[in-house]
Amino acid sequence: MELILKYFPDLTSQQQAQFRQLQPLYNEWNEKINVISRKDIDQLYERHVLHSLGIAKVVSFKPDSSILDVGTGGGFPGIPLAIMFPECQFHLVDSIGKKIKVVQEVSSALGLTNVQAEQNRAEKLQETYDFVVSRAVTQLKEFHSWVRYKINKHYNNSLKNGIIALKGGDLKQELQEANLKHRIYPLSNYFEEEFFETKKVIYVAV
């Protein structure tokens, strides 16, 4: 929790309480349904929560923004972002029902009224959103084809509406194949921990 306050010192008392609850909640649910690798659960705040909040260093979503988290898994990056931006609406989807069960239970325990979680595929959704976020879901070219029509055209944020993806490693070939106009935000510019040396936020306006 100290790690989150190190980079986000202006959290409200409610936000701090919600972030503190994440470790015991995920410990409990990971015993029942393995949504976080055993070696990572002890690094929850660095490798999952702070990593998710890398998006919040790139854009501060304005109230009433709508964000779709595709392939949310156990709720990342959607749940940390929903805590950070309580006046925004988050729709978290994953094709695996047991993972969505965890997301629903964690969201309920945290009292997050701005999170809707459902088992579904992005291609089947009818709604449109300001942003689509993801973390290590698939290659950007394929991901773009799934969600390009899910993004609305009326924007109100510092970034135009589009895709914001958390990725790691050497992305040169993936970005060349995607052939999309993009911006790269290295998370090492914001976080000093070694884990973030190869982690990046990729933004694509749609």
Protein backbone atom coordinates (compact mmCIF):
# COMPACT_ATOMS: atom_id res chain seq x y z
CA MET A 1 0.00 0.00 0.00
CA GLU A 2 2.90 2.36 0.72
CA LEU A 3 3.96 1.80 -2.87
CA ILE A 4 0.67 3.18 -4.16
CA LEU A 5 0.86 6.24 -1.87
CA LYS A 6 4.43 6.84 -3.02
CA TYR A 7 3.19 7.62 -6.53
CA PHE A 8 -0.38 8.71 -5.76
CA PRO A 9 -0.14 10.71 -2.51
CA ASP A 10 -3.44 12.55 -2.96
CA LEU A 11 -5.78 9.58 -2.55
CA THR A 12 -8.86 10.13 -0.42
CA SER A 13 -9.30 8.12 2.77
CA GLN A 14 -11.91 6.00 0.99
CA GLN A 15 -9.57 5.26 -1.91
CA GLN A 16 -6.79 4.33 0.51
CA ALA A 17 -9.14 1.98 2.35
CA GLN A 18 -10.21 0.35 -0.90
CA PHE A 19 -6.65 -0.14 -2.10
CA ARG A 20 -5.72 -1.64 1.30
CA GLN A 21 -8.53 -4.19 0.96
CA LEU A 22 -7.15 -5.54 -2.31
CA GLN A 23 -4.47 -7.78 -0.78
CA PRO A 24 -6.73 -9.69 1.64
CA LEU A 25 -9.50 -9.93 -0.95
CA TYR A 26 -7.25 -11.35 -3.66
CA ASN A 27 -5.52 -13.64 -1.16
CA GLU A 28 -8.92 -15.06 -0.25
CA TRP A 29 -10.22 -15.45 -3.80
CA ASN A 30 -6.94 -16.76 -5.19
CA GLU A 31 -7.23 -19.70 -2.79
CA LYS A 32 -10.58 -20.58 -4.42
CA ILE A 33 -10.01 -19.52 -8.03
CA ASN A 34 -6.46 -19.02 -9.28
CA VAL A 35 -6.61 -15.67 -11.08
CA ILE A 36 -3.14 -14.44 -10.10
CA SER A 37 -0.03 -16.62 -10.35
CA ARG A 38 1.22 -17.94 -7.01
CA LYS A 39 4.55 -16.16 -7.38
CA ASP A 40 2.86 -12.85 -8.13
CA ILE A 41 0.26 -12.72 -5.36
CA ASP A 42 2.85 -11.48 -2.85
CA GLN A 43 3.80 -8.74 -5.34
CA LEU A 44 0.17 -7.71 -5.88
CA TYR A 45 0.65 -3.99 -5.35
CA GLU A 46 3.69 -3.66 -7.61
CA ARG A 47 2.93 -6.12 -10.42
CA HIS A 48 -0.84 -5.72 -10.65
CA VAL A 49 -2.17 -2.63 -8.86
CA LEU A 50 0.61 -0.11 -9.60
CA HIS A 51 1.08 -1.60 -13.07
CA SER A 52 -2.62 -1.00 -13.77
CA LEU A 53 -2.31 2.55 -12.47
CA GLY A 54 0.37 3.26 -15.06
CA ILE A 55 -2.62 4.22 -17.23
CA ALA A 56 -3.52 6.91 -14.68
CA LYS A 57 -0.07 8.46 -15.21
CA VAL A 58 -0.82 8.78 -18.94
CA VAL A 59 -4.37 10.13 -18.70
CA SER A 60 -6.54 11.37 -15.85
CA PHE A 61 -10.02 10.32 -16.94
CA LYS A 62 -12.58 13.11 -16.57
CA PRO A 63 -15.84 12.42 -14.71
CA ASP A 64 -18.45 10.52 -16.72
CA SER A 65 -15.84 8.93 -18.99
CA SER A 66 -16.67 5.35 -19.97
CA ILE A 67 -13.93 2.73 -20.08
CA LEU A 68 -14.08 -0.86 -21.33
CA ASP A 69 -11.51 -3.32 -19.91
CA VAL A 70 -11.16 -6.23 -22.34
CA GLY A 71 -9.74 -9.52 -21.02
CA THR A 72 -9.76 -8.15 -17.48
CA GLY A 73 -8.80 -11.49 -15.91
CA GLY A 74 -9.00 -10.94 -12.16
CA GLY A 75 -9.87 -7.27 -12.64
CA PHE A 76 -6.72 -5.60 -13.95
CA PRO A 77 -6.39 -2.84 -14.94
CA GLY A 78 -10.13 -2.16 -14.41
CA ILE A 79 -10.52 -2.41 -10.63
CA PRO A 80 -7.54 -0.21 -9.65
CA LEU A 81 -8.65 2.36 -12.26
CA ALA A 82 -12.22 2.25 -10.95
CA ILE A 83 -10.92 3.04 -7.45
CA MET A 84 -8.78 5.85 -8.84
CA PHE A 85 -11.61 7.36 -10.94
CA PRO A 86 -14.84 6.84 -8.95
CA GLU A 87 -16.82 9.23 -11.17
CA CYS A 88 -16.12 7.20 -14.32
CA GLN A 89 -17.93 4.09 -15.48
CA PHE A 90 -16.01 0.85 -16.05
CA HIS A 91 -17.19 -2.21 -17.95
CA LEU A 92 -14.95 -5.22 -17.31
CA VAL A 93 -15.30 -8.24 -19.61
CA ASP A 94 -13.59 -11.58 -19.86
CA SER A 95 -14.52 -14.77 -21.70
CA ILE A 96 -13.80 -16.89 -18.59
CA GLY A 97 -16.72 -16.96 -16.18
CA LYS A 98 -14.80 -17.86 -13.01
CA LYS A 99 -12.55 -14.84 -13.44
CA ILE A 100 -15.57 -12.55 -13.79
CA LYS A 101 -16.96 -14.12 -10.60
CA VAL A 102 -13.86 -12.92 -8.76
CA VAL A 103 -14.16 -9.45 -10.30
CA GLN A 104 -17.81 -9.20 -9.26
CA GLU A 105 -17.09 -10.34 -5.70
CA VAL A 106 -14.09 -8.04 -5.25
CA SER A 107 -15.99 -5.06 -6.70
CA SER A 108 -18.91 -5.76 -4.37
CA ALA A 109 -16.66 -6.08 -1.31
CA LEU A 110 -15.01 -2.76 -2.17
CA GLY A 111 -18.37 -1.04 -2.68
CA LEU A 112 -17.50 -0.06 -6.25
CA THR A 113 -20.74 1.17 -7.80
CA ASN A 114 -18.97 2.25 -11.00
CA VAL A 115 -18.01 -1.28 -12.13
CA GLN A 116 -20.03 -3.62 -14.32
CA ALA A 117 -18.41 -7.02 -14.86
CA GLU A 118 -19.67 -9.68 -17.26
CA GLN A 119 -18.58 -12.80 -19.08
CA ASN A 120 -18.48 -11.75 -22.71
CA ARG A 121 -16.26 -11.10 -25.71
CA ALA A 122 -15.48 -7.58 -26.86
CA GLU A 123 -16.74 -8.28 -30.38
CA LYS A 124 -20.23 -9.07 -29.09
CA LEU A 125 -20.74 -5.88 -27.07
CA GLN A 126 -23.23 -3.36 -28.42
CA GLU A 127 -22.15 -0.29 -26.43
CA THR A 128 -19.46 2.23 -27.28
CA TYR A 129 -16.91 3.73 -24.89
CA ASP A 130 -14.44 6.58 -24.58
CA PHE A 131 -11.50 4.24 -24.04
CA VAL A 132 -10.72 0.56 -24.27
CA VAL A 133 -7.98 -0.61 -21.91
CA SER A 134 -6.20 -3.95 -21.67
CA ARG A 135 -3.20 -5.64 -20.14
CA ALA A 136 -1.23 -8.19 -22.15
CA VAL A 137 -4.31 -9.59 -23.90
CA THR A 138 -3.22 -10.14 -27.51
CA GLN A 139 -1.27 -8.58 -30.37
CA LEU A 140 -2.26 -4.98 -31.00
CA LYS A 141 -3.32 -5.60 -34.62
CA GLU A 142 -5.84 -8.25 -33.57
CA PHE A 143 -6.97 -6.27 -30.55
CA HIS A 144 -7.62 -3.19 -32.69
CA SER A 145 -9.84 -5.26 -35.00
CA TRP A 146 -11.89 -6.42 -32.00
CA VAL A 147 -12.54 -3.01 -30.47
CA ARG A 148 -12.19 -0.29 -33.11
CA TYR A 149 -15.96 0.06 -33.49
CA LYS A 150 -16.55 0.07 -29.73
CA ILE A 151 -15.03 3.54 -29.31
CA ASN A 152 -17.24 6.59 -29.62
CA LYS A 153 -16.18 9.74 -31.43
CA HIS A 154 -17.12 12.44 -28.91
CA TYR A 155 -14.13 13.02 -26.67
CA ASN A 156 -13.71 15.05 -23.51
CA ASN A 157 -10.31 13.96 -22.18
CA SER A 158 -6.75 15.18 -22.67
CA LEU A 159 -6.25 12.23 -25.04
CA LYS A 160 -8.64 11.56 -27.89
CA ASN A 161 -10.74 8.44 -27.42
CA GLY A 162 -8.92 5.23 -28.24
CA ILE A 163 -7.05 2.17 -27.03
CA ILE A 164 -4.73 2.23 -24.01
CA ALA A 165 -2.80 -1.03 -23.64
CA LEU A 166 -0.31 -2.11 -20.98
CA LYS A 167 2.46 -4.12 -22.61
CA GLY A 168 5.99 -5.30 -21.91
CA GLY A 169 9.14 -6.37 -23.68
CA ASP A 170 10.29 -5.65 -27.23
CA LEU A 171 7.27 -4.33 -29.12
CA LYS A 172 8.99 -3.29 -32.34
CA GLN A 173 7.65 -6.11 -34.52
CA GLU A 174 4.17 -6.03 -32.98
CA LEU A 175 3.85 -2.29 -33.57
CA GLN A 176 5.16 -2.61 -37.13
CA GLU A 177 2.62 -5.33 -37.93
CA ALA A 178 -0.21 -3.33 -36.38
CA ASN A 179 0.73 -0.34 -38.56
CA LEU A 180 -1.30 2.03 -36.36
CA LYS A 181 -0.43 5.57 -35.37
CA HIS A 182 0.52 5.26 -31.72
CA ARG A 183 2.34 6.77 -28.78
CA ILE A 184 4.58 4.88 -26.37
CA TYR A 185 4.79 5.85 -22.71
CA PRO A 186 7.57 3.91 -20.89
CA LEU A 187 6.43 3.24 -17.33
CA SER A 188 10.05 3.62 -16.20
CA ASN A 189 9.44 7.35 -16.69
CA TYR A 190 6.93 7.25 -13.84
CA PHE A 191 7.92 4.33 -11.58
CA GLU A 192 11.46 3.58 -10.43
CA GLU A 193 11.02 -0.11 -9.51
CA GLU A 194 12.97 -2.59 -11.65
CA PHE A 195 9.75 -4.39 -12.68
CA PHE A 196 8.77 -1.38 -14.81
CA GLU A 197 11.99 -1.13 -16.84
CA THR A 198 10.46 -2.97 -19.80
CA LYS A 199 6.79 -2.04 -19.22
CA LYS A 200 5.01 0.45 -21.44
CA VAL A 201 1.64 2.04 -22.09
CA ILE A 202 0.68 2.04 -25.78
CA TYR A 203 -1.93 4.56 -26.86
CA VAL A 204 -3.76 4.40 -30.18
CA ALA A 205 -6.32 7.06 -31.10
CA VAL A 206 -9.31 5.61 -32.95
